[in-house]
N, C-alpha and C. Protein backbone atom coordinates (compact mmCIF):
# COMPACT_ATOMS: atom_id res chain seq x y z
N MET A 1 -13.53 33.36 5.82
CA MET A 1 -14.19 32.77 4.67
C MET A 1 -14.61 31.35 5.02
N THR A 2 -15.87 31.06 4.83
CA THR A 2 -16.38 29.72 5.11
C THR A 2 -17.32 29.32 3.99
N GLY A 3 -17.78 28.10 4.06
CA GLY A 3 -18.73 27.62 3.08
C GLY A 3 -18.26 26.35 2.41
N THR A 4 -19.16 25.72 1.71
CA THR A 4 -18.87 24.46 1.06
C THR A 4 -17.83 24.61 -0.03
N TYR A 5 -17.94 25.63 -0.84
CA TYR A 5 -17.00 25.81 -1.94
C TYR A 5 -15.59 26.13 -1.43
N PHE A 6 -15.52 26.90 -0.36
CA PHE A 6 -14.21 27.21 0.21
C PHE A 6 -13.57 25.95 0.78
N TYR A 7 -14.37 25.11 1.44
CA TYR A 7 -13.87 23.85 1.98
C TYR A 7 -13.35 22.96 0.86
N LEU A 8 -14.08 22.87 -0.23
CA LEU A 8 -13.64 22.05 -1.36
C LEU A 8 -12.37 22.63 -2.01
N LEU A 9 -12.29 23.94 -2.10
CA LEU A 9 -11.10 24.58 -2.65
C LEU A 9 -9.88 24.31 -1.78
N ILE A 10 -10.04 24.42 -0.46
CA ILE A 10 -8.93 24.13 0.46
C ILE A 10 -8.50 22.68 0.31
N MET A 11 -9.43 21.76 0.24
CA MET A 11 -9.09 20.35 0.11
C MET A 11 -8.39 20.07 -1.22
N LEU A 12 -8.82 20.73 -2.29
CA LEU A 12 -8.17 20.56 -3.58
C LEU A 12 -6.73 21.08 -3.54
N LEU A 13 -6.54 22.25 -2.98
CA LEU A 13 -5.19 22.83 -2.92
C LEU A 13 -4.27 22.03 -2.00
N LEU A 14 -4.79 21.54 -0.89
CA LEU A 14 -3.97 20.71 -0.01
C LEU A 14 -3.62 19.39 -0.67
N SER A 15 -4.54 18.83 -1.44
CA SER A 15 -4.26 17.59 -2.17
C SER A 15 -3.17 17.80 -3.21
N VAL A 16 -3.22 18.92 -3.90
CA VAL A 16 -2.18 19.23 -4.89
C VAL A 16 -0.82 19.38 -4.22
N SER A 17 -0.79 20.05 -3.08
CA SER A 17 0.48 20.23 -2.39
C SER A 17 1.02 18.90 -1.86
N LEU A 18 0.16 18.03 -1.36
CA LEU A 18 0.62 16.72 -0.91
C LEU A 18 1.10 15.86 -2.08
N PHE A 19 0.40 15.95 -3.21
CA PHE A 19 0.85 15.22 -4.39
C PHE A 19 2.23 15.69 -4.83
N SER A 20 2.46 17.00 -4.78
CA SER A 20 3.77 17.51 -5.20
C SER A 20 4.87 17.10 -4.24
N LEU A 21 4.54 16.91 -2.96
CA LEU A 21 5.54 16.42 -2.01
C LEU A 21 5.82 14.93 -2.20
N ALA A 22 4.82 14.17 -2.62
CA ALA A 22 4.99 12.73 -2.78
C ALA A 22 5.56 12.35 -4.15
N TYR A 23 5.38 13.20 -5.15
CA TYR A 23 5.80 12.88 -6.52
C TYR A 23 7.33 12.80 -6.58
N LYS A 24 7.84 11.68 -6.97
CA LYS A 24 9.28 11.41 -7.08
C LYS A 24 10.02 11.70 -5.79
N ALA A 25 9.41 11.34 -4.68
CA ALA A 25 10.00 11.63 -3.37
C ALA A 25 11.32 10.87 -3.16
N LYS A 26 11.44 9.68 -3.69
CA LYS A 26 12.67 8.90 -3.51
C LYS A 26 13.87 9.55 -4.17
N THR A 27 13.66 10.27 -5.25
CA THR A 27 14.79 10.90 -5.94
C THR A 27 15.14 12.26 -5.36
N ARG A 28 14.31 12.77 -4.48
CA ARG A 28 14.59 14.07 -3.88
C ARG A 28 14.96 13.88 -2.42
N ARG A 29 14.15 14.25 -1.51
CA ARG A 29 14.46 14.22 -0.08
C ARG A 29 13.83 13.05 0.66
N GLY A 30 13.27 12.10 -0.04
CA GLY A 30 12.60 10.99 0.62
C GLY A 30 11.18 11.37 1.00
N TYR A 31 10.61 10.58 1.89
CA TYR A 31 9.21 10.78 2.25
C TYR A 31 9.01 11.63 3.50
N ARG A 32 10.07 12.09 4.14
CA ARG A 32 9.91 12.92 5.34
C ARG A 32 9.16 14.22 5.04
N PRO A 33 9.49 14.97 3.98
CA PRO A 33 8.69 16.18 3.70
C PRO A 33 7.22 15.87 3.44
N PHE A 34 6.95 14.73 2.81
CA PHE A 34 5.56 14.34 2.57
C PHE A 34 4.83 14.09 3.89
N TRP A 35 5.45 13.36 4.80
CA TRP A 35 4.80 13.06 6.08
C TRP A 35 4.60 14.33 6.89
N ILE A 36 5.55 15.24 6.85
CA ILE A 36 5.39 16.51 7.53
C ILE A 36 4.27 17.32 6.88
N GLY A 37 4.20 17.28 5.54
CA GLY A 37 3.12 17.95 4.83
C GLY A 37 1.76 17.36 5.16
N LEU A 38 1.70 16.05 5.31
CA LEU A 38 0.44 15.40 5.69
C LEU A 38 0.02 15.81 7.09
N LEU A 39 0.97 15.87 8.01
CA LEU A 39 0.68 16.34 9.36
C LEU A 39 0.18 17.78 9.34
N SER A 40 0.82 18.62 8.54
CA SER A 40 0.39 20.01 8.46
C SER A 40 -1.00 20.13 7.84
N THR A 41 -1.32 19.27 6.91
CA THR A 41 -2.66 19.27 6.32
C THR A 41 -3.72 18.93 7.37
N VAL A 42 -3.41 17.95 8.21
CA VAL A 42 -4.33 17.59 9.29
C VAL A 42 -4.48 18.77 10.26
N ILE A 43 -3.38 19.46 10.56
CA ILE A 43 -3.45 20.62 11.45
C ILE A 43 -4.28 21.74 10.81
N ILE A 44 -4.10 21.96 9.51
CA ILE A 44 -4.85 23.01 8.82
C ILE A 44 -6.35 22.72 8.85
N VAL A 45 -6.72 21.52 8.45
CA VAL A 45 -8.15 21.18 8.40
C VAL A 45 -8.73 21.12 9.80
N GLY A 46 -8.00 20.51 10.74
CA GLY A 46 -8.49 20.44 12.11
C GLY A 46 -8.58 21.80 12.77
N GLY A 47 -7.61 22.64 12.50
CA GLY A 47 -7.63 23.98 13.10
C GLY A 47 -8.70 24.88 12.52
N LYS A 48 -8.94 24.75 11.23
CA LYS A 48 -9.90 25.63 10.58
C LYS A 48 -11.35 25.19 10.80
N TYR A 49 -11.60 23.88 10.72
CA TYR A 49 -12.98 23.42 10.69
C TYR A 49 -13.44 22.70 11.95
N TYR A 50 -12.52 22.17 12.76
CA TYR A 50 -12.96 21.44 13.96
C TYR A 50 -12.67 22.23 15.24
N ALA A 51 -11.44 22.75 15.37
CA ALA A 51 -11.10 23.51 16.56
C ALA A 51 -11.47 24.98 16.42
N LEU A 52 -11.75 25.40 15.20
CA LEU A 52 -12.09 26.80 14.89
C LEU A 52 -11.02 27.77 15.43
N SER A 53 -9.78 27.39 15.19
CA SER A 53 -8.66 28.18 15.68
C SER A 53 -7.83 28.68 14.50
N ASP A 54 -7.73 29.99 14.39
CA ASP A 54 -6.90 30.57 13.34
C ASP A 54 -5.42 30.29 13.59
N TYR A 55 -5.04 30.19 14.87
CA TYR A 55 -3.64 29.92 15.19
C TYR A 55 -3.20 28.56 14.67
N LEU A 56 -4.04 27.54 14.86
CA LEU A 56 -3.71 26.21 14.33
C LEU A 56 -3.67 26.22 12.81
N PHE A 57 -4.58 26.94 12.20
CA PHE A 57 -4.60 27.04 10.74
C PHE A 57 -3.29 27.63 10.22
N TYR A 58 -2.85 28.73 10.83
CA TYR A 58 -1.62 29.38 10.38
C TYR A 58 -0.38 28.56 10.74
N LEU A 59 -0.42 27.85 11.86
CA LEU A 59 0.69 26.97 12.21
C LEU A 59 0.82 25.85 11.18
N GLY A 60 -0.29 25.25 10.79
CA GLY A 60 -0.26 24.21 9.77
C GLY A 60 0.22 24.73 8.43
N ALA A 61 -0.21 25.94 8.07
CA ALA A 61 0.24 26.53 6.81
C ALA A 61 1.74 26.80 6.84
N PHE A 62 2.25 27.27 7.98
CA PHE A 62 3.68 27.53 8.12
C PHE A 62 4.47 26.22 8.01
N ILE A 63 4.00 25.17 8.65
CA ILE A 63 4.68 23.87 8.58
C ILE A 63 4.66 23.33 7.15
N LEU A 64 3.56 23.52 6.44
CA LEU A 64 3.48 23.07 5.05
C LEU A 64 4.47 23.83 4.17
N ILE A 65 4.63 25.11 4.41
CA ILE A 65 5.60 25.91 3.65
C ILE A 65 7.01 25.41 3.94
N ILE A 66 7.32 25.13 5.21
CA ILE A 66 8.65 24.62 5.57
C ILE A 66 8.90 23.28 4.87
N ALA A 67 7.93 22.38 4.86
CA ALA A 67 8.10 21.08 4.21
C ALA A 67 8.31 21.24 2.71
N SER A 68 7.61 22.18 2.09
CA SER A 68 7.75 22.41 0.65
C SER A 68 9.12 22.99 0.31
N VAL A 69 9.58 23.93 1.12
CA VAL A 69 10.91 24.51 0.88
C VAL A 69 11.97 23.46 1.08
N TRP A 70 11.85 22.67 2.15
CA TRP A 70 12.82 21.61 2.44
C TRP A 70 12.86 20.60 1.29
N ASN A 71 11.72 20.28 0.73
CA ASN A 71 11.65 19.33 -0.37
C ASN A 71 12.32 19.86 -1.64
N ASN A 72 12.36 21.18 -1.82
CA ASN A 72 12.91 21.76 -3.04
C ASN A 72 14.38 22.14 -2.94
N ILE A 73 14.99 22.01 -1.78
CA ILE A 73 16.42 22.29 -1.66
C ILE A 73 17.17 21.13 -2.31
N PRO A 74 18.07 21.43 -3.26
CA PRO A 74 18.77 20.35 -3.95
C PRO A 74 19.70 19.58 -3.01
N ILE A 75 19.82 18.29 -3.26
CA ILE A 75 20.72 17.45 -2.50
C ILE A 75 22.14 17.65 -3.01
N LYS A 76 23.08 17.86 -2.08
CA LYS A 76 24.46 18.05 -2.46
C LYS A 76 25.03 16.70 -2.90
N GLU A 77 25.52 16.67 -4.13
CA GLU A 77 26.10 15.44 -4.65
C GLU A 77 27.59 15.44 -4.37
N SER A 78 28.10 14.28 -3.97
CA SER A 78 29.53 14.18 -3.71
C SER A 78 30.27 14.07 -5.04
N SER A 79 31.47 14.63 -5.08
CA SER A 79 32.26 14.59 -6.31
C SER A 79 32.85 13.19 -6.51
N SER A 80 33.31 12.89 -7.70
CA SER A 80 33.85 11.57 -7.99
C SER A 80 35.15 11.32 -7.24
N SER A 81 35.91 12.37 -6.91
CA SER A 81 37.15 12.18 -6.16
C SER A 81 36.85 11.72 -4.74
N ASP A 82 35.74 12.18 -4.17
CA ASP A 82 35.35 11.73 -2.84
C ASP A 82 34.99 10.26 -2.85
N LYS A 83 34.35 9.81 -3.92
CA LYS A 83 33.97 8.41 -4.02
C LYS A 83 35.21 7.53 -4.16
N ASN A 84 36.20 7.98 -4.91
CA ASN A 84 37.42 7.19 -5.09
C ASN A 84 38.22 7.11 -3.81
N GLU A 85 38.22 8.15 -3.00
CA GLU A 85 38.96 8.14 -1.76
C GLU A 85 38.31 7.24 -0.72
N SER A 86 37.04 7.00 -0.83
CA SER A 86 36.36 6.18 0.15
C SER A 86 36.56 4.68 -0.09
N ILE A 87 37.09 4.30 -1.25
CA ILE A 87 37.34 2.90 -1.54
C ILE A 87 38.65 2.49 -0.90
N VAL A 88 38.59 1.48 -0.06
CA VAL A 88 39.78 0.99 0.63
C VAL A 88 40.33 -0.18 -0.17
N ALA A 89 41.66 -0.13 -0.44
CA ALA A 89 42.29 -1.20 -1.21
C ALA A 89 42.47 -2.44 -0.36
N CYS A 90 42.30 -3.55 -0.97
CA CYS A 90 42.50 -4.83 -0.31
C CYS A 90 44.00 -5.05 -0.14
N PRO A 91 44.50 -5.42 1.05
CA PRO A 91 45.93 -5.61 1.24
C PRO A 91 46.49 -6.81 0.47
N ASN A 92 45.66 -7.77 0.12
CA ASN A 92 46.13 -8.95 -0.61
C ASN A 92 46.07 -8.79 -2.11
N CYS A 93 45.47 -7.70 -2.57
CA CYS A 93 45.34 -7.48 -4.01
C CYS A 93 46.60 -6.81 -4.55
N LYS A 94 46.99 -7.19 -5.74
CA LYS A 94 48.14 -6.60 -6.38
C LYS A 94 47.72 -5.31 -7.08
N THR A 95 48.56 -4.32 -7.00
CA THR A 95 48.29 -3.08 -7.70
C THR A 95 49.15 -2.99 -8.94
N SER A 96 48.85 -2.07 -9.80
CA SER A 96 49.59 -1.92 -11.05
C SER A 96 50.96 -1.31 -10.80
N GLU A 97 51.22 -0.75 -9.61
CA GLU A 97 52.49 -0.10 -9.33
C GLU A 97 53.60 -1.12 -9.04
N SER A 98 53.25 -2.33 -8.58
CA SER A 98 54.30 -3.28 -8.23
C SER A 98 54.72 -4.20 -9.31
């Protein structure tokens, strides 16, 4: 499939996917999935329209899927007991036990 409308449709869909990777990136996985998605977008467009290679197109699409899945995996939150155990008591501070 080729043509001006298909090119515009691909660019619109890739823009939406990049926006979804960048939206609230700091609260999710950071900007690494976005940068990987941007690289995959360059591979998709370059493979489809400049190198005329279906292999590059599919490689870029696969990388974009991996970045999207990675971005949607929830971050494991540490429990409050783990946070309390990581606090080291000051040896000069008095505790309530003494």
